[in-house]
Amino acid sequence: MTRDAFRALVAEAIDSIPARFAHHVKNVAIVIEEAPGNDLLDEMGIEPPDTLLGLYQGTPLPERRWDHGNDLPDRVLLFQRPIEEDAEEDGDIVGVIGETLIHELGHYFGMSEDEIMAIEERYWRGEPEPAEDAPEEPSR
């Protein structure tokens, strides 16, 4: 798949994730890369056949101090080839991208893995989001 076609699917996936969840994201760049490098996989302790579909890079909202600012945007990396390979099994590339976005943005909000997994489960089942899924912005 071309990068432009994948980019269009990322835009579609952004529209598919819970609206209240996506609405609170500020100053986060979505970056598409072909695949995670070996150095990154080693750093993360990931060994084949496992890989990364995405990665959040930045300071989670709850960890930011009052003087946080004037920084480059946080980033969510999406790794195109692993996502495509994972979607071949599921048959739903937009869904895989959406779940990856939910997971990485969950890290941005400082959510626990259990909280993120609960949102992902509801996303896959197509269930409406409860109000508690809307992350609160930290007070400054």
C-alpha atoms as a PDB file:
ATOM      1  CA  MET A   1       0.000   0.000   0.000  1.00  0.00           C
ATOM      2  CA  THR A   2       1.300   3.471  -0.773  1.00  0.00           C
ATOM      3  CA  ARG A   3       2.031   5.932   2.004  1.00  0.00           C
ATOM      4  CA  ASP A   4      -0.711   8.258   0.694  1.00  0.00           C
ATOM      5  CA  ALA A   5      -3.291   5.450   0.791  1.00  0.00           C
ATOM      6  CA  PHE A   6      -2.206   4.553   4.313  1.00  0.00           C
ATOM      7  CA  ARG A   7      -2.372   8.214   5.350  1.00  0.00           C
ATOM      8  CA  ALA A   8      -5.985   8.341   4.109  1.00  0.00           C
ATOM      9  CA  LEU A   9      -6.807   5.290   6.242  1.00  0.00           C
ATOM     10  CA  VAL A  10      -5.191   6.980   9.262  1.00  0.00           C
ATOM     11  CA  ALA A  11      -7.496   9.972   8.730  1.00  0.00           C
ATOM     12  CA  GLU A  12     -10.469   7.592   8.555  1.00  0.00           C
ATOM     13  CA  ALA A  13      -9.309   5.845  11.735  1.00  0.00           C
ATOM     14  CA  ILE A  14      -8.957   9.166  13.574  1.00  0.00           C
ATOM     15  CA  ASP A  15     -12.614   9.806  12.767  1.00  0.00           C
ATOM     16  CA  SER A  16     -13.524   6.343  14.107  1.00  0.00           C
ATOM     17  CA  ILE A  17     -12.009   6.592  17.596  1.00  0.00           C
ATOM     18  CA  PRO A  18     -14.166   7.832  20.476  1.00  0.00           C
ATOM     19  CA  ALA A  19     -14.905  11.506  19.820  1.00  0.00           C
ATOM     20  CA  ARG A  20     -14.564  12.652  23.420  1.00  0.00           C
ATOM     21  CA  PHE A  21     -11.270  10.780  23.627  1.00  0.00           C
ATOM     22  CA  ALA A  22      -9.861  12.364  20.453  1.00  0.00           C
ATOM     23  CA  HIS A  23     -11.267  15.801  21.283  1.00  0.00           C
ATOM     24  CA  HIS A  24      -8.904  16.332  24.234  1.00  0.00           C
ATOM     25  CA  VAL A  25      -5.687  15.714  22.277  1.00  0.00           C
ATOM     26  CA  LYS A  26      -3.619  18.867  21.898  1.00  0.00           C
ATOM     27  CA  ASN A  27      -0.298  19.403  20.134  1.00  0.00           C
ATOM     28  CA  VAL A  28       0.354  15.761  19.155  1.00  0.00           C
ATOM     29  CA  ALA A  29       1.854  14.909  15.769  1.00  0.00           C
ATOM     30  CA  ILE A  30       0.810  11.648  14.109  1.00  0.00           C
ATOM     31  CA  VAL A  31       3.877  10.354  12.255  1.00  0.00           C
ATOM     32  CA  ILE A  32       3.870   7.384   9.899  1.00  0.00           C
ATOM     33  CA  GLU A  33       7.034   5.323   9.566  1.00  0.00           C
ATOM     34  CA  GLU A  34       7.624   2.135   7.594  1.00  0.00           C
ATOM     35  CA  ALA A  35       8.583  -0.047  10.577  1.00  0.00           C
ATOM     36  CA  PRO A  36      10.299   0.242  13.954  1.00  0.00           C
ATOM     37  CA  GLY A  37      14.061   0.040  13.742  1.00  0.00           C
ATOM     38  CA  ASN A  38      16.061  -2.714  15.435  1.00  0.00           C
ATOM     39  CA  ASP A  39      17.509  -0.206  17.906  1.00  0.00           C
ATOM     40  CA  LEU A  40      14.011   0.822  19.004  1.00  0.00           C
ATOM     41  CA  LEU A  41      12.868  -2.797  19.301  1.00  0.00           C
ATOM     42  CA  ASP A  42      15.965  -3.591  21.386  1.00  0.00           C
ATOM     43  CA  GLU A  43      15.374  -0.526  23.573  1.00  0.00           C
ATOM     44  CA  MET A  44      11.783  -1.623  24.171  1.00  0.00           C
ATOM     45  CA  GLY A  45      12.835  -5.240  24.844  1.00  0.00           C
ATOM     46  CA  ILE A  46      10.786  -6.559  21.922  1.00  0.00           C
ATOM     47  CA  GLU A  47      12.043  -9.669  20.152  1.00  0.00           C
ATOM     48  CA  PRO A  48      10.752 -11.227  16.919  1.00  0.00           C
ATOM     49  CA  PRO A  49       8.178 -12.316  16.073  1.00  0.00           C
ATOM     50  CA  ASP A  50       6.728  -9.503  18.219  1.00  0.00           C
ATOM     51  CA  THR A  51       6.899  -5.940  16.948  1.00  0.00           C
ATOM     52  CA  LEU A  52       5.436  -2.485  17.520  1.00  0.00           C
ATOM     53  CA  LEU A  53       2.382  -1.097  15.771  1.00  0.00           C
ATOM     54  CA  GLY A  54       2.758   2.330  17.339  1.00  0.00           C
ATOM     55  CA  LEU A  55       4.621   4.322  19.953  1.00  0.00           C
ATOM     56  CA  TYR A  56       3.866   7.432  21.998  1.00  0.00           C
ATOM     57  CA  GLN A  57       6.808   9.792  22.466  1.00  0.00           C
ATOM     58  CA  GLY A  58       6.400  12.703  24.822  1.00  0.00           C
ATOM     59  CA  THR A  59       5.435  13.675  28.329  1.00  0.00           C
ATOM     60  CA  PRO A  60       2.060  12.286  29.458  1.00  0.00           C
ATOM     61  CA  LEU A  61      -0.364  14.997  30.562  1.00  0.00           C
ATOM     62  CA  PRO A  62      -0.418  13.995  34.257  1.00  0.00           C
ATOM     63  CA  GLU A  63       3.395  14.247  34.422  1.00  0.00           C
ATOM     64  CA  ARG A  64       3.593  17.783  33.035  1.00  0.00           C
ATOM     65  CA  ARG A  65       4.558  20.594  35.319  1.00  0.00           C
ATOM     66  CA  TRP A  66       2.924  24.006  35.346  1.00  0.00           C
ATOM     67  CA  ASP A  67       5.792  25.418  33.254  1.00  0.00           C
ATOM     68  CA  HIS A  68       5.565  22.795  30.498  1.00  0.00           C
ATOM     69  CA  GLY A  69       5.536  24.488  27.126  1.00  0.00           C
ATOM     70  CA  ASN A  70       7.572  25.739  24.217  1.00  0.00           C
ATOM     71  CA  ASP A  71       8.360  22.125  23.344  1.00  0.00           C
ATOM     72  CA  LEU A  72       8.038  20.290  20.100  1.00  0.00           C
ATOM     73  CA  PRO A  73       4.740  18.416  19.859  1.00  0.00           C
ATOM     74  CA  ASP A  74       4.441  14.988  21.397  1.00  0.00           C
ATOM     75  CA  ARG A  75       4.393  12.274  18.740  1.00  0.00           C
ATOM     76  CA  VAL A  76       2.454   9.147  18.026  1.00  0.00           C
ATOM     77  CA  LEU A  77       4.398   6.952  15.640  1.00  0.00           C
ATOM     78  CA  LEU A  78       2.379   4.555  13.502  1.00  0.00           C
ATOM     79  CA  PHE A  79       4.377   1.768  11.875  1.00  0.00           C
ATOM     80  CA  GLN A  80       2.765   1.053   8.524  1.00  0.00           C
ATOM     81  CA  ARG A  81       4.159  -2.382   7.651  1.00  0.00           C
ATOM     82  CA  PRO A  82       3.416  -4.028  11.032  1.00  0.00           C
ATOM     83  CA  ILE A  83      -0.073  -2.501  11.026  1.00  0.00           C
ATOM     84  CA  GLU A  84      -0.718  -3.835   7.515  1.00  0.00           C
ATOM     85  CA  GLU A  85       0.550  -7.277   8.522  1.00  0.00           C
ATOM     86  CA  ASP A  86      -1.631  -7.304  11.647  1.00  0.00           C
ATOM     87  CA  ALA A  87      -4.652  -6.155   9.645  1.00  0.00           C
ATOM     88  CA  GLU A  88      -4.221  -9.033   7.171  1.00  0.00           C
ATOM     89  CA  GLU A  89      -5.212 -11.357  10.008  1.00  0.00           C
ATOM     90  CA  ASP A  90      -8.112  -9.165  11.165  1.00  0.00           C
ATOM     91  CA  GLY A  91      -9.200  -7.881   7.754  1.00  0.00           C
ATOM     92  CA  ASP A  92      -9.762  -4.372   9.144  1.00  0.00           C
ATOM     93  CA  ILE A  93      -6.834  -2.003   8.699  1.00  0.00           C
ATOM     94  CA  VAL A  94      -8.820   1.055   9.841  1.00  0.00           C
ATOM     95  CA  GLY A  95      -9.732  -0.826  13.009  1.00  0.00           C
ATOM     96  CA  VAL A  96      -6.105  -1.786  13.678  1.00  0.00           C
ATOM     97  CA  ILE A  97      -4.990   1.814  13.117  1.00  0.00           C
ATOM     98  CA  GLY A  98      -7.818   3.056  15.369  1.00  0.00           C
ATOM     99  CA  GLU A  99      -6.923   0.654  18.170  1.00  0.00           C
ATOM    100  CA  THR A 100      -3.251   1.641  17.871  1.00  0.00           C
ATOM    101  CA  LEU A 101      -4.181   5.319  18.079  1.00  0.00           C
ATOM    102  CA  ILE A 102      -6.369   4.695  21.124  1.00  0.00           C
ATOM    103  CA  HIS A 103      -3.547   2.815  22.803  1.00  0.00           C
ATOM    104  CA  GLU A 104      -0.868   5.425  22.139  1.00  0.00           C
ATOM    105  CA  LEU A 105      -3.134   8.362  22.980  1.00  0.00           C
ATOM    106  CA  GLY A 106      -4.010   6.553  26.195  1.00  0.00           C
ATOM    107  CA  HIS A 107      -0.335   6.867  27.120  1.00  0.00           C
ATOM    108  CA  TYR A 108      -0.521  10.589  26.277  1.00  0.00           C
ATOM    109  CA  PHE A 109      -3.370  10.899  28.793  1.00  0.00           C
ATOM    110  CA  GLY A 110      -1.438   8.870  31.380  1.00  0.00           C
ATOM    111  CA  MET A 111      -3.991   6.048  31.461  1.00  0.00           C
ATOM    112  CA  SER A 112      -3.164   2.613  32.827  1.00  0.00           C
ATOM    113  CA  GLU A 113      -2.929  -0.378  30.510  1.00  0.00           C
ATOM    114  CA  ASP A 114      -6.199  -1.702  31.982  1.00  0.00           C
ATOM    115  CA  GLU A 115      -8.010   1.575  31.235  1.00  0.00           C
ATOM    116  CA  ILE A 116      -6.638   1.605  27.681  1.00  0.00           C
ATOM    117  CA  MET A 117      -7.585  -2.030  27.089  1.00  0.00           C
ATOM    118  CA  ALA A 118     -11.149  -1.387  28.265  1.00  0.00           C
ATOM    119  CA  ILE A 119     -11.529   1.437  25.737  1.00  0.00           C
ATOM    120  CA  GLU A 120     -10.006  -0.726  22.986  1.00  0.00           C
ATOM    121  CA  GLU A 121     -12.439  -3.543  23.772  1.00  0.00           C
ATOM    122  CA  ARG A 122     -15.449  -1.233  23.517  1.00  0.00           C
ATOM    123  CA  TYR A 123     -14.003   0.222  20.292  1.00  0.00           C
ATOM    124  CA  TRP A 124     -13.776  -3.235  18.675  1.00  0.00           C
ATOM    125  CA  ARG A 125     -17.280  -4.143  19.822  1.00  0.00           C
ATOM    126  CA  GLY A 126     -18.636  -0.838  18.489  1.00  0.00           C
ATOM    127  CA  GLU A 127     -20.077   0.088  21.871  1.00  0.00           C
ATOM    128  CA  PRO A 128     -20.703   3.714  22.787  1.00  0.00           C
ATOM    129  CA  GLU A 129     -18.174   5.290  25.073  1.00  0.00           C
ATOM    130  CA  PRO A 130     -19.134   5.985  28.676  1.00  0.00           C
ATOM    131  CA  ALA A 131     -18.506   9.482  30.019  1.00  0.00           C
ATOM    132  CA  GLU A 132     -15.575   8.302  32.140  1.00  0.00           C
ATOM    133  CA  ASP A 133     -13.602   7.546  28.943  1.00  0.00           C
ATOM    134  CA  ALA A 134     -13.211  11.256  28.346  1.00  0.00           C
ATOM    135  CA  PRO A 135      -9.822  12.059  29.809  1.00  0.00           C
ATOM    136  CA  GLU A 136      -9.666  15.165  31.903  1.00  0.00           C
ATOM    137  CA  GLU A 137      -7.112  17.784  31.123  1.00  0.00           C
ATOM    138  CA  PRO A 138      -4.793  18.404  34.054  1.00  0.00           C
ATOM    139  CA  SER A 139      -5.294  21.618  35.956  1.00  0.00           C
ATOM    140  CA  ARG A 140      -2.500  24.104  35.532  1.00  0.00           C
END
